[in-house]
């Protein structure tokens, strides 16, 4: 059976990626082993002070951005946003959390972390825990101490993560992600990339659109019939 690779680019501080977790879960539940999701990161909030002030200064700054996020969250009952998001806590960057998560990804793959079949990987659990810690609990996930506390709660080996960061492997993986995002001309977070980069689905898109694209790729055309994708 053919397996479809979906490359999923996101920024950990992006609320649309936070909301899109439900679509990832739906893809897994619908297609199971027929789809392999490859998590990669893109840099939208690499410098949050510059990002928010340059985009929102003329609209009311952090107060306006806070109101915008709460309005977005109200449209998605499966997510929660702290009423003081970006007011009480302002992470300096998403890059440090991305680096930590690349180390988790590396650790899970290279050291063959044992997991119960049909359950989310430790990477998936840690990524959701990071996003929830920021958006729901208003914690500064750019900080190493917060990252360690949140990740250890879902079973991440912090000693191993620290070693992978210190030996440069996580930096290399994160650099590759950012370079891939640039090469593929990823416009923002989240972005689904299919069919070896030929199809890109960006932003707040519904599950049915994602499902249709995957189903068409799974369909095996005859030798004289080109795929509609």
Protein backbone atom coordinates (compact mmCIF):
# COMPACT_ATOMS: atom_id res chain seq x y z
CA UNK A 1 0.00 0.00 0.00
CA UNK A 2 1.31 3.42 -0.93
CA UNK A 3 2.03 5.91 1.83
CA UNK A 4 1.41 9.62 1.32
CA UNK A 5 3.89 11.97 2.98
CA UNK A 6 2.43 15.20 4.31
CA UNK A 7 4.98 17.80 5.34
CA UNK A 8 3.39 20.07 7.92
CA UNK A 9 5.08 23.43 8.50
CA UNK A 10 4.08 25.52 11.49
CA UNK A 11 5.26 28.06 14.02
CA UNK A 12 4.67 26.99 17.60
CA UNK A 13 3.37 30.47 18.56
CA UNK A 14 0.84 30.59 15.71
CA UNK A 15 -2.77 30.33 16.85
CA UNK A 16 -3.88 28.94 13.48
CA UNK A 17 -1.48 26.02 13.95
CA UNK A 18 -2.82 25.57 17.48
CA UNK A 19 -6.36 25.33 16.09
CA UNK A 20 -5.22 23.12 13.20
CA UNK A 21 -4.23 20.30 15.56
CA UNK A 22 -7.78 18.96 15.23
CA UNK A 23 -7.26 18.62 11.46
CA UNK A 24 -4.03 16.71 11.96
CA UNK A 25 -5.85 14.36 14.33
CA UNK A 26 -8.62 13.92 11.75
CA UNK A 27 -6.06 13.06 9.05
CA UNK A 28 -4.52 10.40 11.29
CA UNK A 29 -7.91 8.97 12.26
CA UNK A 30 -9.15 8.90 8.68
CA UNK A 31 -6.09 7.59 6.85
CA UNK A 32 -4.13 5.80 9.59
CA UNK A 33 -0.93 4.23 8.19
CA UNK A 34 -1.69 5.42 4.64
CA UNK A 35 -0.41 8.88 5.58
CA UNK A 36 2.87 9.87 7.23
CA UNK A 37 2.97 13.38 8.71
CA UNK A 38 6.39 15.01 8.84
CA UNK A 39 6.47 17.94 11.26
CA UNK A 40 8.68 20.85 10.25
CA UNK A 41 8.92 24.40 11.53
CA UNK A 42 8.84 27.75 9.81
CA UNK A 43 9.74 31.09 11.35
CA UNK A 44 6.81 33.47 11.75
CA UNK A 45 7.48 34.56 15.33
CA UNK A 46 11.27 34.36 15.24
CA UNK A 47 11.41 37.87 16.73
CA UNK A 48 8.08 38.42 18.42
CA UNK A 49 8.66 42.03 19.45
CA UNK A 50 9.41 43.02 15.86
CA UNK A 51 6.61 40.85 14.46
CA UNK A 52 3.84 42.17 16.70
CA UNK A 53 4.88 45.80 16.86
CA UNK A 54 5.40 46.07 13.11
CA UNK A 55 2.08 44.38 12.33
CA UNK A 56 -0.14 45.65 15.13
CA UNK A 57 1.29 49.01 16.22
CA UNK A 58 -1.16 51.05 14.13
CA UNK A 59 -4.06 48.89 15.29
CA UNK A 60 -3.52 49.04 19.03
CA UNK A 61 -0.38 46.98 19.66
CA UNK A 62 -0.41 44.04 22.03
CA UNK A 63 -3.92 44.87 23.29
CA UNK A 64 -5.30 44.59 19.76
CA UNK A 65 -3.35 41.39 19.10
CA UNK A 66 -4.73 39.93 22.32
CA UNK A 67 -8.28 40.78 21.25
CA UNK A 68 -7.68 39.26 17.82
CA UNK A 69 -6.47 35.96 19.30
CA UNK A 70 -9.42 35.73 21.65
CA UNK A 71 -11.78 36.32 18.73
CA UNK A 72 -10.07 33.60 16.72
CA UNK A 73 -10.24 31.16 19.63
CA UNK A 74 -13.95 31.78 20.04
CA UNK A 75 -14.47 30.19 16.60
CA UNK A 76 -12.81 26.91 17.65
CA UNK A 77 -14.39 25.19 20.67
CA UNK A 78 -11.56 22.63 20.90
CA UNK A 79 -8.94 25.23 21.89
CA UNK A 80 -8.59 27.60 24.82
CA UNK A 81 -6.81 30.95 24.95
CA UNK A 82 -5.82 32.67 28.17
CA UNK A 83 -7.51 36.08 28.55
CA UNK A 84 -4.12 37.72 29.12
CA UNK A 85 -2.33 36.13 26.16
CA UNK A 86 0.59 38.35 25.02
CA UNK A 87 -0.19 40.79 27.83
CA UNK A 88 0.94 38.86 30.88
CA UNK A 89 3.69 36.86 29.12
CA UNK A 90 5.54 37.72 25.90
CA UNK A 91 7.90 34.99 24.63
CA UNK A 92 10.87 36.58 22.87
CA UNK A 93 10.95 33.99 20.09
CA UNK A 94 9.48 30.75 18.80
CA UNK A 95 12.94 29.58 17.72
CA UNK A 96 14.03 28.26 21.12
CA UNK A 97 10.89 26.11 21.40
CA UNK A 98 11.41 24.91 17.83
CA UNK A 99 14.97 23.94 18.72
CA UNK A 100 13.79 21.98 21.76
CA UNK A 101 11.15 20.19 19.69
CA UNK A 102 13.67 19.26 16.98
CA UNK A 103 15.75 17.69 19.72
CA UNK A 104 12.67 15.74 20.87
CA UNK A 105 12.07 14.62 17.29
CA UNK A 106 15.69 13.52 16.93
CA UNK A 107 15.64 11.69 20.27
CA UNK A 108 12.43 9.86 19.45
CA UNK A 109 13.75 8.69 16.08
CA UNK A 110 17.37 7.91 16.85
CA UNK A 111 16.96 6.36 20.26
CA UNK A 112 13.80 4.43 19.32
CA UNK A 113 11.70 5.59 22.24
CA UNK A 114 9.18 2.91 23.15
CA UNK A 115 5.57 3.93 22.73
CA UNK A 116 2.19 2.23 22.89
CA UNK A 117 0.80 1.43 19.42
CA UNK A 118 -2.02 3.71 18.19
CA UNK A 119 -1.09 6.48 20.60
CA UNK A 120 0.39 9.84 19.73
CA UNK A 121 4.16 9.96 19.61
CA UNK A 122 6.01 11.71 22.40
CA UNK A 123 6.89 14.44 19.88
CA UNK A 124 3.19 15.02 19.15
CA UNK A 125 2.36 15.04 22.84
CA UNK A 126 5.17 17.47 23.64
CA UNK A 127 4.26 19.80 20.77
CA UNK A 128 0.64 19.97 21.91
CA UNK A 129 1.78 20.45 25.51
CA UNK A 130 3.99 23.39 24.45
CA UNK A 131 1.18 25.04 22.50
CA UNK A 132 -1.29 24.50 25.33
CA UNK A 133 1.19 25.85 27.88
CA UNK A 134 1.42 29.10 25.95
CA UNK A 135 -2.07 29.67 24.58
CA UNK A 136 -4.13 28.12 27.37
CA UNK A 137 -1.89 28.64 30.41
CA UNK A 138 -0.03 31.80 29.34
CA UNK A 139 3.44 30.37 30.07
CA UNK A 140 6.63 31.57 28.42
CA UNK A 141 7.63 28.59 26.29
CA UNK A 142 10.68 30.45 24.97
CA UNK A 143 12.31 29.78 28.37
CA UNK A 144 14.43 26.66 28.89
CA UNK A 145 13.10 26.00 32.40
CA UNK A 146 9.48 26.12 31.18
CA UNK A 147 10.31 23.88 28.23
CA UNK A 148 11.90 21.29 30.49
CA UNK A 149 8.99 21.30 32.94
CA UNK A 150 6.35 20.97 30.23
CA UNK A 151 8.23 18.32 28.24
CA UNK A 152 9.19 16.16 31.21
CA UNK A 153 5.51 15.93 32.16
CA UNK A 154 4.84 13.95 28.94
CA UNK A 155 7.85 11.67 29.34
CA UNK A 156 10.64 13.50 27.52
CA UNK A 157 14.18 12.68 28.69
CA UNK A 158 15.59 16.15 29.41
CA UNK A 159 19.17 14.90 29.77
CA UNK A 160 18.99 13.39 26.28
CA UNK A 161 17.43 16.57 24.87
CA UNK A 162 20.17 18.71 26.38
CA UNK A 163 22.83 16.43 24.88
CA UNK A 164 21.25 16.61 21.41
CA UNK A 165 21.08 20.40 21.58
CA UNK A 166 24.66 20.69 22.82
CA UNK A 167 26.09 18.43 20.10
CA UNK A 168 24.52 20.58 17.38
CA UNK A 169 22.10 18.00 15.96
CA UNK A 170 18.97 19.94 16.88
CA UNK A 171 20.42 23.15 15.43
CA UNK A 172 21.16 21.33 12.17
CA UNK A 173 17.62 19.94 11.96
CA UNK A 174 16.03 23.31 12.69
CA UNK A 175 18.23 25.02 10.11
CA UNK A 176 17.14 22.41 7.56
CA UNK A 177 13.48 23.10 8.37
CA UNK A 178 13.88 26.84 7.87
CA UNK A 179 15.79 26.27 4.62
CA UNK A 180 13.10 23.86 3.38
CA UNK A 181 10.42 26.42 4.19
CA UNK A 182 12.31 28.99 2.15
CA UNK A 183 12.93 26.61 -0.76
CA UNK A 184 9.27 25.56 -0.87
CA UNK A 185 8.18 29.19 -0.51
CA UNK A 186 6.07 28.48 2.53
CA UNK A 187 3.86 31.54 2.99
CA UNK A 188 3.02 31.06 6.63
CA UNK A 189 1.76 28.83 9.41
CA UNK A 190 0.30 26.27 9.14
CA UNK A 191 1.09 24.87 5.68
CA UNK A 192 0.41 21.36 4.42
CA UNK A 193 2.77 20.28 1.62
CA UNK A 194 1.95 17.21 -0.49
CA UNK A 195 2.97 15.54 -3.73
CA UNK A 196 6.68 16.39 -3.40
CA UNK A 197 5.95 20.08 -3.04
CA UNK A 198 3.50 20.35 -5.94
CA UNK A 199 0.53 20.97 -3.65
CA UNK A 200 0.52 23.47 -0.80
CA UNK A 201 -2.47 24.12 1.43
CA UNK A 202 -1.93 27.19 3.58
CA UNK A 203 -3.76 28.81 6.47
CA UNK A 204 -7.16 28.18 7.96
CA UNK A 205 -8.33 25.44 5.60
CA UNK A 206 -10.99 22.85 6.33
CA UNK A 207 -10.40 19.15 6.79
CA UNK A 208 -12.49 18.24 3.72
CA UNK A 209 -10.06 20.07 1.43
CA UNK A 210 -7.10 18.26 3.00
CA UNK A 211 -8.97 14.95 2.78
CA UNK A 212 -9.79 15.43 -0.91
CA UNK A 213 -6.17 16.15 -1.80
CA UNK A 214 -4.92 13.08 0.07
CA UNK A 215 -7.60 10.81 -1.43
CA UNK A 216 -6.64 11.90 -4.93
CA UNK A 217 -2.99 11.12 -4.25
CA UNK A 218 -3.91 7.70 -2.88
CA UNK A 219 -5.87 6.91 -6.00
CA UNK A 220 -3.63 4.90 -8.35
CA UNK A 221 -4.09 6.16 -11.90
CA UNK A 222 -3.71 3.89 -14.90
CA UNK A 223 -0.43 4.20 -16.78
CA UNK A 224 -2.18 6.24 -19.52
CA UNK A 225 -4.01 8.43 -17.01
CA UNK A 226 -2.37 11.40 -15.31
CA UNK A 227 -3.26 12.33 -11.77
CA UNK A 228 -5.57 15.31 -11.43
CA UNK A 229 -3.36 16.63 -8.61
